Amino acid sequence: MDPTPATTEPPPPPSESRNRILVPAVIGLAAGLIGGGIVLGVHDATSSSSSSSSSASATTTTPSGSTTIIAGSAPNWVGVAAHSMPGVVEISTEQTTANPLGGSGKTAALGTGFVIDSKGDILTNEHVVGNSSTINVQFPNGTSTAAKLVGADPSSDLAVIHVTLAASQLHPLPLGNAATVKVGQPVLAIGTPFGYSESASAGIVSGLEREIQSPNGFTLANAIQTDAAVNHGNSGGPLLDQSGRVIGVNAQIAASGVDANVGVAFAVPMAPTELAIVHELMAKGRVSHPWLGITGISATAQLHQNGVTPVSSGVLVTGVAKGSPAATAGIVGGTHAKTVLGTCVPVGGDTITQMGGTAIRSMTDLQLFLASEPVGATVQGSIVHANGSTGTVSITLTKQPTTAPTITSVCSTATG
């Protein structure tokens, strides 16, 4: 947590002044393009740990050779923290920034990362290391070394950096599968909040399939919501399950008027889609994402009952980017506004119910389907028009733009 002025606590370390905050645009339509409203990047995660249990724990060796903690009925956070801390690193970066009055200057920032293999690869957030001129990594044992960027993907807010160290000096953390995560299960976040390295905070998974905004303005689907105390500096750090496996990369906190965590934080999940991105970054240094070019909201029974959508599941298209694959295919966005429960919703557009043979029930379903398709793929989709009639469209997915284009709807301006 953010240190208070009380005399019993130390003042924030010097690194706090170097923290950098990523503030995306406000988006919030009914089910929401961004679950929970505004979010803030937490780039800007004395060893410590949260409460532990007295249940017995044991260790086991995974096929990759890394050891994990297998806990009993309650989390053994002391064991998980002690085992995981050696693989979590503090990342300090320096960027060259343009000065509005002329010339340029240097901006320093602080974040977190964690070792993922014995070759020296470290996973973190793109907004921690992207566009950095220098990257330095410090390990808990005091080892400090320069790192180079292997690959970065702002659309998923993931990046891989590399350090040259002997395998004996590295402690890889095992990657789990966020697809099996359940609401209510315990988690542990480790990082460098406000410059306090090797900090741990425990909580639970508060929600799943949250939609947040990536650094380049696109929607990042399927984020994990947690109430673990994640603050500026935790970005890029691991969110661990009670077996010591990484199920997410801590990335953002909800805005609340307080520039610190208030119990709502978000992590990029370590699900199959994101794991594939990590492997592609390591192999190619970049990732190409397919693009549809719409903004939309998840159709629900409530929206259907209020006359907003012709069906109770799918994706109601609220806006379409000019020149996008969706526009070329003839998909129509919202044509007029309707107020539902005090919220303006663009209505009159098409509702996408199926893509490439896959049922589309929500924005998350659509995002996950698109992530599974290659750039250039032509897919057939099913849509329901505002009047209830159905139709089919043929869409050729193009490469996602570098930054999300602005899409103006009858209610607001968004990106997508």
Protein backbone atom coordinates (compact mmCIF):
# COMPACT_ATOMS: atom_id res chain seq x y z
CA MET A 1 0.00 0.00 0.00
CA ASP A 2 0.98 3.60 -0.43
CA PRO A 3 2.92 4.70 2.68
CA THR A 4 1.11 7.22 4.86
CA PRO A 5 2.66 10.22 6.60
CA ALA A 6 2.51 8.42 9.98
CA THR A 7 5.79 8.64 11.84
CA THR A 8 5.88 4.87 12.29
CA GLU A 9 6.28 4.30 8.56
CA PRO A 10 9.18 5.28 6.30
CA PRO A 11 8.68 7.88 3.60
CA PRO A 12 8.37 6.64 0.01
CA PRO A 13 11.76 5.81 -1.56
CA PRO A 14 13.21 8.06 -4.25
CA SER A 15 11.98 5.76 -7.01
CA GLU A 16 8.40 6.81 -6.37
CA SER A 17 9.01 10.09 -8.13
CA ARG A 18 9.97 8.18 -11.26
CA ASN A 19 6.68 6.31 -11.59
CA ARG A 20 4.85 6.68 -14.86
CA ILE A 21 1.11 6.31 -15.24
CA LEU A 22 -0.71 5.21 -18.36
CA VAL A 23 -4.18 6.80 -18.55
CA PRO A 24 -6.39 5.43 -21.33
CA ALA A 25 -9.56 7.10 -22.56
CA VAL A 26 -12.89 6.74 -20.79
CA ILE A 27 -15.21 4.15 -22.31
CA GLY A 28 -18.32 2.76 -20.59
CA LEU A 29 -21.37 1.62 -22.56
CA ALA A 30 -23.80 -0.69 -20.74
CA ALA A 31 -21.86 -3.95 -20.67
CA GLY A 32 -18.92 -1.74 -21.53
CA LEU A 33 -16.05 -1.63 -23.95
CA ILE A 34 -13.92 -1.27 -20.85
CA GLY A 35 -15.21 -3.23 -17.89
CA GLY A 36 -15.39 -1.00 -14.85
CA GLY A 37 -14.78 2.34 -16.57
CA ILE A 38 -11.43 4.14 -16.43
CA VAL A 39 -8.30 2.16 -15.64
CA LEU A 40 -4.79 3.29 -14.84
CA GLY A 41 -1.60 1.48 -15.80
CA VAL A 42 0.43 0.40 -12.78
CA HIS A 43 3.82 0.54 -14.50
CA ASP A 44 4.61 2.91 -12.08
CA ALA A 45 4.81 -4.05 -8.19
CA THR A 46 12.81 -6.31 2.83
CA SER A 47 10.90 -9.34 1.49
CA SER A 48 7.37 -9.45 2.74
CA SER A 49 4.36 -11.68 2.38
CA SER A 50 0.73 -11.80 3.30
CA SER A 51 -0.90 -14.07 5.81
CA SER A 52 -0.16 -17.77 5.59
CA SER A 53 -1.97 -20.90 6.65
CA SER A 54 -0.86 -23.76 8.79
CA SER A 55 -1.78 -26.33 6.18
CA ALA A 56 0.98 -28.61 5.03
CA SER A 57 2.65 -28.01 1.71
CA ALA A 58 4.97 -29.99 -0.49
CA THR A 59 7.11 -29.34 -3.55
CA THR A 60 7.10 -31.03 -6.90
CA THR A 61 9.14 -30.70 -10.08
CA THR A 62 7.41 -29.75 -13.32
CA PRO A 63 8.41 -31.19 -16.71
CA SER A 64 10.42 -28.04 -17.37
CA GLY A 65 12.44 -28.63 -14.24
CA SER A 66 11.00 -25.75 -12.18
CA THR A 67 9.75 -26.44 -8.69
CA THR A 68 6.29 -25.36 -7.60
CA ILE A 69 4.54 -25.15 -4.27
CA ILE A 70 1.60 -27.53 -3.87
CA ALA A 71 -0.55 -26.16 -1.08
CA GLY A 72 -3.12 -27.86 1.08
CA SER A 73 -6.69 -26.70 1.55
CA ALA A 74 -5.60 -23.12 2.33
CA PRO A 75 -2.79 -21.10 0.70
CA ASN A 76 0.69 -21.33 2.15
CA TRP A 77 1.64 -17.81 1.05
CA VAL A 78 4.88 -17.86 3.06
CA GLY A 79 6.02 -20.85 1.01
CA VAL A 80 4.77 -19.47 -2.32
CA ALA A 81 6.40 -16.08 -1.71
CA ALA A 82 9.71 -17.57 -0.57
CA HIS A 83 9.85 -19.84 -3.59
CA SER A 84 8.76 -17.23 -6.15
CA MET A 85 10.62 -14.11 -4.98
CA PRO A 86 14.00 -15.11 -6.53
CA GLY A 87 12.37 -15.10 -9.98
CA VAL A 88 10.75 -11.67 -9.68
CA VAL A 89 12.83 -8.68 -10.78
CA GLU A 90 12.70 -4.90 -10.52
CA ILE A 91 12.84 -3.19 -13.92
CA SER A 92 14.04 0.39 -14.28
CA THR A 93 13.87 2.10 -17.65
CA GLU A 94 14.85 5.35 -19.27
CA GLN A 95 13.11 6.92 -22.22
CA THR A 96 13.97 9.86 -24.41
CA THR A 97 11.02 12.24 -24.56
CA ALA A 98 10.42 15.34 -26.63
CA ASN A 99 10.34 18.65 -24.79
CA PRO A 100 7.40 20.87 -25.86
CA LEU A 101 9.77 23.87 -25.65
CA GLY A 102 12.34 22.18 -27.86
CA GLY A 103 14.97 19.49 -27.50
CA SER A 104 14.48 16.30 -25.56
CA GLY A 105 14.80 14.94 -22.07
CA LYS A 106 15.07 11.67 -20.18
CA THR A 107 12.23 10.04 -18.30
CA ALA A 108 12.92 7.26 -15.79
CA ALA A 109 10.30 4.76 -14.65
CA LEU A 110 9.99 1.63 -12.55
CA GLY A 111 8.16 -1.66 -12.99
CA THR A 112 8.35 -5.40 -12.39
CA GLY A 113 9.01 -8.56 -14.39
CA PHE A 114 9.61 -12.26 -13.82
CA VAL A 115 11.91 -14.90 -15.27
CA ILE A 116 10.20 -17.44 -17.54
CA ASP A 117 13.07 -19.70 -18.63
CA SER A 118 16.67 -20.62 -17.89
CA LYS A 119 17.93 -18.73 -20.97
CA GLY A 120 17.37 -15.31 -19.40
CA ASP A 121 13.98 -14.34 -20.82
CA ILE A 122 11.80 -12.14 -18.61
CA LEU A 123 8.10 -11.38 -19.09
CA THR A 124 6.63 -7.98 -18.23
CA ASN A 125 4.10 -5.42 -19.53
CA GLU A 126 4.68 -3.60 -22.80
CA HIS A 127 3.97 -0.30 -21.09
CA VAL A 128 6.85 -0.98 -18.69
CA VAL A 129 9.58 -1.35 -21.34
CA GLY A 130 8.11 -0.19 -24.65
CA ASN A 131 10.04 2.65 -26.32
CA SER A 132 12.73 2.55 -23.63
CA SER A 133 16.27 3.60 -24.55
CA THR A 134 17.76 1.64 -21.65
CA ILE A 135 16.42 -1.22 -19.53
CA ASN A 136 18.03 -2.39 -16.31
CA VAL A 137 17.03 -5.41 -14.24
CA GLN A 138 17.79 -5.98 -10.57
CA PHE A 139 17.36 -9.38 -8.94
CA PRO A 140 16.49 -9.93 -5.26
CA ASN A 141 20.03 -11.21 -4.59
CA GLY A 142 21.42 -7.83 -5.59
CA THR A 143 22.53 -8.77 -9.10
CA SER A 144 21.96 -5.87 -11.49
CA THR A 145 22.34 -6.12 -15.25
CA ALA A 146 21.28 -4.45 -18.48
CA ALA A 147 18.50 -6.08 -20.48
CA LYS A 148 17.54 -5.91 -24.13
CA LEU A 149 14.06 -5.89 -25.58
CA VAL A 150 13.21 -9.15 -27.37
CA GLY A 151 9.69 -8.23 -28.41
CA ALA A 152 6.74 -6.09 -27.34
CA ASP A 153 3.04 -6.17 -28.15
CA PRO A 154 1.02 -3.13 -27.02
CA SER A 155 -2.27 -4.76 -28.03
CA SER A 156 -1.88 -7.41 -25.33
CA ASP A 157 0.37 -5.24 -23.11
CA LEU A 158 2.98 -8.00 -22.99
CA ALA A 159 6.72 -7.80 -23.61
CA VAL A 160 9.74 -10.06 -23.30
CA ILE A 161 13.19 -8.77 -22.34
CA HIS A 162 16.44 -10.74 -22.09
CA VAL A 163 19.37 -10.76 -19.70
CA THR A 164 22.68 -12.57 -20.18
CA LEU A 165 23.24 -14.58 -17.02
CA ALA A 166 24.16 -18.17 -16.24
CA ALA A 167 21.21 -20.52 -15.84
CA SER A 168 22.31 -21.12 -12.25
CA GLN A 169 21.53 -17.45 -11.49
CA LEU A 170 18.01 -17.64 -12.87
CA HIS A 171 14.84 -18.85 -11.17
CA PRO A 172 12.06 -19.33 -13.76
CA LEU A 173 8.48 -19.17 -12.53
CA PRO A 174 6.10 -21.81 -13.93
CA LEU A 175 3.29 -20.48 -16.11
CA GLY A 176 -0.21 -21.67 -15.32
CA ASN A 177 -3.41 -21.61 -17.35
CA ALA A 178 -5.82 -18.81 -16.55
CA ALA A 179 -8.54 -20.65 -18.46
CA THR A 180 -9.06 -22.77 -15.34
CA VAL A 181 -9.19 -19.84 -12.90
CA LYS A 182 -12.36 -19.42 -10.83
CA VAL A 183 -13.84 -16.39 -9.10
CA GLY A 184 -13.03 -16.53 -5.40
CA GLN A 185 -9.79 -18.47 -5.65
CA PRO A 186 -6.82 -17.02 -3.72
CA VAL A 187 -3.99 -15.22 -5.51
CA LEU A 188 -0.70 -13.54 -4.60
CA ALA A 189 0.74 -10.47 -6.37
CA ILE A 190 4.50 -9.84 -6.18
CA GLY A 191 6.22 -6.68 -7.37
CA THR A 192 7.69 -3.28 -6.61
CA PRO A 193 4.86 -1.00 -5.45
CA PHE A 194 6.06 2.59 -5.00
CA GLY A 195 9.63 1.30 -5.25
CA TYR A 196 9.34 -1.22 -2.41
CA SER A 197 10.92 -4.27 -4.06
CA GLU A 198 10.04 -7.85 -3.17
CA SER A 199 6.58 -6.92 -1.93
CA ALA A 200 3.75 -9.45 -1.79
CA SER A 201 0.03 -8.95 -1.32
CA ALA A 202 -2.68 -11.59 -1.20
CA GLY A 203 -6.28 -11.47 -2.37
CA ILE A 204 -8.77 -13.36 -4.46
CA VAL A 205 -9.90 -13.45 -8.07
CA SER A 206 -12.78 -10.96 -7.96
CA GLY A 207 -13.96 -11.28 -11.55
CA LEU A 208 -13.19 -12.78 -14.94
CA GLU A 209 -13.63 -11.75 -18.58
CA ARG A 210 -13.12 -8.07 -17.79
CA GLU A 211 -12.43 -5.83 -20.78
CA ILE A 212 -9.72 -3.20 -20.32
CA GLN A 213 -7.92 -0.91 -22.72
CA SER A 214 -4.46 -1.78 -23.98
CA PRO A 215 -1.68 0.84 -24.33
CA ASN A 216 -2.46 1.38 -28.03
CA GLY A 217 -6.19 1.83 -27.46
CA PHE A 218 -7.56 -1.57 -28.44
CA THR A 219 -9.73 -3.67 -26.15
CA LEU A 220 -7.87 -6.29 -24.15
CA ALA A 221 -10.38 -9.06 -23.51
CA ASN A 222 -10.55 -11.60 -20.72
CA ALA A 223 -8.59 -9.71 -18.05
CA ILE A 224 -8.56 -11.05 -14.50
CA GLN A 225 -9.92 -8.78 -11.78
CA THR A 226 -8.37 -9.11 -8.31
CA ASP A 227 -8.56 -7.35 -4.97
CA ALA A 228 -4.89 -8.01 -4.20
CA ALA A 229 -3.14 -4.71 -3.38
CA VAL A 230 -1.61 -3.77 -6.74
CA ASN A 231 -0.12 -0.28 -7.04
CA HIS A 232 2.21 1.82 -9.20
CA GLY A 233 5.33 -0.27 -9.70
CA ASN A 234 3.53 -3.65 -9.72
CA SER A 235 3.08 -3.55 -13.50
CA GLY A 236 4.62 -6.58 -15.17
CA GLY A 237 4.75 -8.59 -11.95
CA PRO A 238 3.23 -12.05 -11.54
CA LEU A 239 -0.20 -12.87 -10.21
CA LEU A 240 0.27 -16.32 -8.68
CA ASP A 241 -2.12 -19.09 -7.71
CA GLN A 242 -1.65 -21.03 -4.49
CA SER A 243 0.58 -23.54 -6.28
CA GLY A 244 3.03 -20.81 -7.28
CA ARG A 245 2.04 -20.77 -10.95
CA VAL A 246 1.70 -17.50 -12.85
CA ILE A 247 -1.91 -17.04 -13.94
CA GLY A 248 -1.65 -13.36 -14.86
CA VAL A 249 0.59 -10.33 -15.35
CA ASN A 250 -0.49 -7.42 -13.15
CA ALA A 251 -1.20 -4.45 -15.40
CA GLN A 252 -3.83 -1.93 -14.30
CA ILE A 253 -5.78 -0.50 -11.38
CA ALA A 254 -9.25 1.01 -11.47
CA ALA A 255 -9.53 4.76 -11.28
CA SER A 256 -11.35 5.99 -8.21
CA GLY A 257 -10.13 9.52 -7.60
CA VAL A 258 -7.39 8.05 -5.43
CA ASP A 259 -4.05 7.51 -7.15
CA ALA A 260 -3.60 4.06 -5.61
CA ASN A 261 -5.32 0.70 -5.41
CA VAL A 262 -8.81 0.62 -3.91
CA GLY A 263 -9.38 -3.10 -4.25
CA VAL A 264 -9.94 -3.35 -8.01
CA ALA A 265 -6.95 -4.32 -10.14
CA PHE A 266 -6.58 -6.13 -13.46
CA ALA A 267 -4.07 -8.64 -14.81
CA VAL A 268 -3.41 -9.84 -18.35
CA PRO A 269 -4.30 -13.55 -18.15
CA MET A 270 -1.84 -16.33 -18.87
CA ALA A 271 -4.42 -18.14 -21.00
CA PRO A 272 -3.67 -20.03 -24.27
CA THR A 273 -4.07 -16.90 -26.42
CA GLU A 274 -1.61 -14.88 -24.33
CA LEU A 275 0.83 -17.79 -24.01
CA ALA A 276 0.88 -18.01 -27.82
CA ILE A 277 1.66 -14.27 -27.94
CA VAL A 278 4.59 -14.76 -25.55
CA HIS A 279 6.01 -17.54 -27.72
CA GLU A 280 5.58 -15.44 -30.86
CA LEU A 281 7.34 -12.48 -29.25
CA MET A 282 10.26 -14.73 -28.35
CA ALA A 283 10.41 -16.21 -31.84
CA LYS A 284 9.71 -13.14 -34.00
CA GLY A 285 9.88 -10.10 -31.73
CA ARG A 286 6.42 -8.92 -32.76
CA VAL A 287 2.83 -10.07 -33.14
CA SER A 288 0.37 -9.37 -35.96
CA HIS A 289 -3.25 -9.20 -34.84
CA PRO A 290 -6.27 -9.53 -37.14
CA TRP A 291 -8.65 -6.56 -37.15
CA LEU A 292 -12.41 -6.30 -37.60
CA GLY A 293 -12.86 -2.57 -36.93
CA ILE A 294 -15.91 -2.18 -34.71
CA THR A 295 -16.92 -1.00 -31.26
CA GLY A 296 -19.68 -2.94 -29.59
CA ILE A 297 -21.36 -4.13 -26.43
CA SER A 298 -22.44 -7.57 -25.31
CA ALA A 299 -26.11 -8.24 -25.94
CA THR A 300 -27.88 -9.39 -22.78
CA ALA A 301 -31.35 -10.50 -21.75
CA GLN A 302 -31.81 -7.15 -20.01
CA LEU A 303 -30.88 -5.15 -23.13
CA HIS A 304 -33.17 -7.39 -25.19
CA GLN A 305 -36.07 -6.81 -22.79
CA ASN A 306 -35.50 -3.06 -23.04
CA GLY A 307 -35.69 -3.16 -26.83
CA VAL A 308 -31.98 -2.44 -27.36
CA THR A 309 -31.05 -5.69 -29.08
CA PRO A 310 -33.16 -8.05 -31.21
CA VAL A 311 -31.58 -11.08 -29.45
CA SER A 312 -30.42 -11.79 -25.89
CA SER A 313 -26.80 -12.71 -26.71
CA GLY A 314 -24.21 -11.65 -29.25
CA VAL A 315 -22.37 -8.38 -29.92
CA LEU A 316 -24.38 -5.26 -30.70
CA VAL A 317 -22.28 -3.16 -33.09
CA THR A 318 -22.25 0.43 -31.83
CA GLY A 319 -19.78 1.85 -34.34
CA VAL A 320 -17.77 0.87 -37.42
CA ALA A 321 -14.37 2.28 -38.44
CA LYS A 322 -14.20 3.78 -41.91
CA GLY A 323 -12.42 1.51 -44.38
CA SER A 324 -12.33 -1.38 -41.92
CA PRO A 325 -13.08 -5.03 -42.77
CA ALA A 326 -16.44 -4.63 -41.01
CA ALA A 327 -17.30 -1.59 -43.13
CA THR A 328 -16.28 -3.38 -46.32
CA ALA A 329 -18.47 -6.35 -45.36
CA GLY A 330 -21.46 -4.04 -44.87
CA ILE A 331 -21.84 -4.37 -41.10
CA VAL A 332 -23.90 -1.48 -39.71
CA GLY A 333 -23.28 0.33 -36.43
CA GLY A 334 -25.77 2.11 -34.16
CA THR A 335 -27.93 4.71 -35.92
CA HIS A 336 -29.66 6.41 -33.00
CA ALA A 337 -29.39 6.73 -29.23
CA LYS A 338 -31.50 5.10 -26.55
CA THR A 339 -31.22 5.69 -22.81
CA VAL A 340 -31.28 2.48 -20.80
CA LEU A 341 -31.02 2.63 -17.01
CA GLY A 342 -29.54 6.10 -17.32
CA THR A 343 -26.93 5.08 -19.91
CA CYS A 344 -26.85 6.16 -23.55
CA VAL A 345 -26.67 3.16 -25.87
CA PRO A 346 -26.29 3.36 -29.68
CA VAL A 347 -29.05 1.21 -31.16
CA GLY A 348 -30.18 0.31 -34.67
CA GLY A 349 -26.98 -1.53 -35.57
CA ASP A 350 -26.36 -5.17 -36.43
CA THR A 351 -25.81 -7.82 -33.77
CA ILE A 352 -23.08 -10.38 -34.50
CA THR A 353 -24.10 -13.87 -33.34
CA GLN A 354 -21.63 -16.15 -35.11
CA MET A 355 -18.19 -15.94 -36.71
CA GLY A 356 -16.44 -18.73 -38.58
CA GLY A 357 -18.78 -21.31 -37.13
CA THR A 358 -18.18 -20.13 -33.56
CA ALA A 359 -21.09 -18.84 -31.52
CA ILE A 360 -20.52 -15.23 -30.42
CA ARG A 361 -22.36 -14.50 -27.17
CA SER A 362 -20.34 -11.53 -25.93
CA MET A 363 -17.55 -9.09 -26.73
CA THR A 364 -15.12 -11.46 -25.01
CA ASP A 365 -16.18 -14.30 -27.32
CA LEU A 366 -15.60 -12.04 -30.33
CA GLN A 367 -12.18 -10.89 -29.11
CA LEU A 368 -11.07 -14.46 -28.41
CA PHE A 369 -12.29 -15.65 -31.81
CA LEU A 370 -10.41 -12.87 -33.60
CA ALA A 371 -7.26 -13.71 -31.64
CA SER A 372 -7.42 -17.27 -32.99
CA GLU A 373 -7.53 -16.17 -36.65
CA PRO A 374 -4.57 -15.20 -38.86
CA VAL A 375 -4.30 -11.87 -40.63
CA GLY A 376 -5.82 -12.21 -44.11
CA ALA A 377 -8.33 -14.90 -43.14
CA THR A 378 -11.78 -14.68 -44.68
CA VAL A 379 -14.52 -15.72 -42.28
CA GLN A 380 -18.26 -16.03 -42.62
CA GLY A 381 -20.42 -14.36 -40.01
CA SER A 382 -24.05 -14.36 -38.98
CA ILE A 383 -25.78 -11.15 -37.99
CA VAL A 384 -29.21 -10.08 -36.81
CA HIS A 385 -30.41 -6.72 -38.10
CA ALA A 386 -32.19 -4.22 -35.86
CA ASN A 387 -35.58 -5.26 -37.31
CA GLY A 388 -34.97 -8.89 -36.34
CA SER A 389 -34.13 -10.22 -39.80
CA THR A 390 -30.97 -12.26 -40.20
CA GLY A 391 -28.12 -12.14 -42.66
CA THR A 392 -24.64 -13.40 -43.42
CA VAL A 393 -21.46 -11.49 -44.13
CA SER A 394 -18.06 -12.44 -45.53
CA ILE A 395 -15.22 -10.64 -43.77
CA THR A 396 -11.55 -10.58 -44.71
CA LEU A 397 -9.56 -9.71 -41.60
CA THR A 398 -6.74 -7.23 -42.15
CA LYS A 399 -3.74 -6.40 -39.98
CA GLN A 400 -4.59 -4.38 -36.91
CA PRO A 401 -3.45 -0.73 -37.14
CA THR A 402 -0.62 0.42 -34.90
CA THR A 403 -3.07 2.40 -32.80
CA ALA A 404 -6.81 2.06 -32.48
CA PRO A 405 -8.67 4.42 -34.84
CA THR A 406 -11.30 6.75 -33.46
CA ILE A 407 -14.85 5.54 -34.03
CA THR A 408 -17.64 8.05 -33.46
CA SER A 409 -21.03 6.70 -32.44
CA VAL A 410 -24.28 8.49 -31.70
CA CYS A 411 -23.43 8.41 -27.98
CA SER A 412 -19.68 8.88 -27.75
CA THR A 413 -16.27 8.69 -29.36
CA ALA A 414 -14.36 5.46 -28.79
CA THR A 415 -11.53 3.45 -30.30
CA GLY A 416 -11.61 -0.02 -31.79
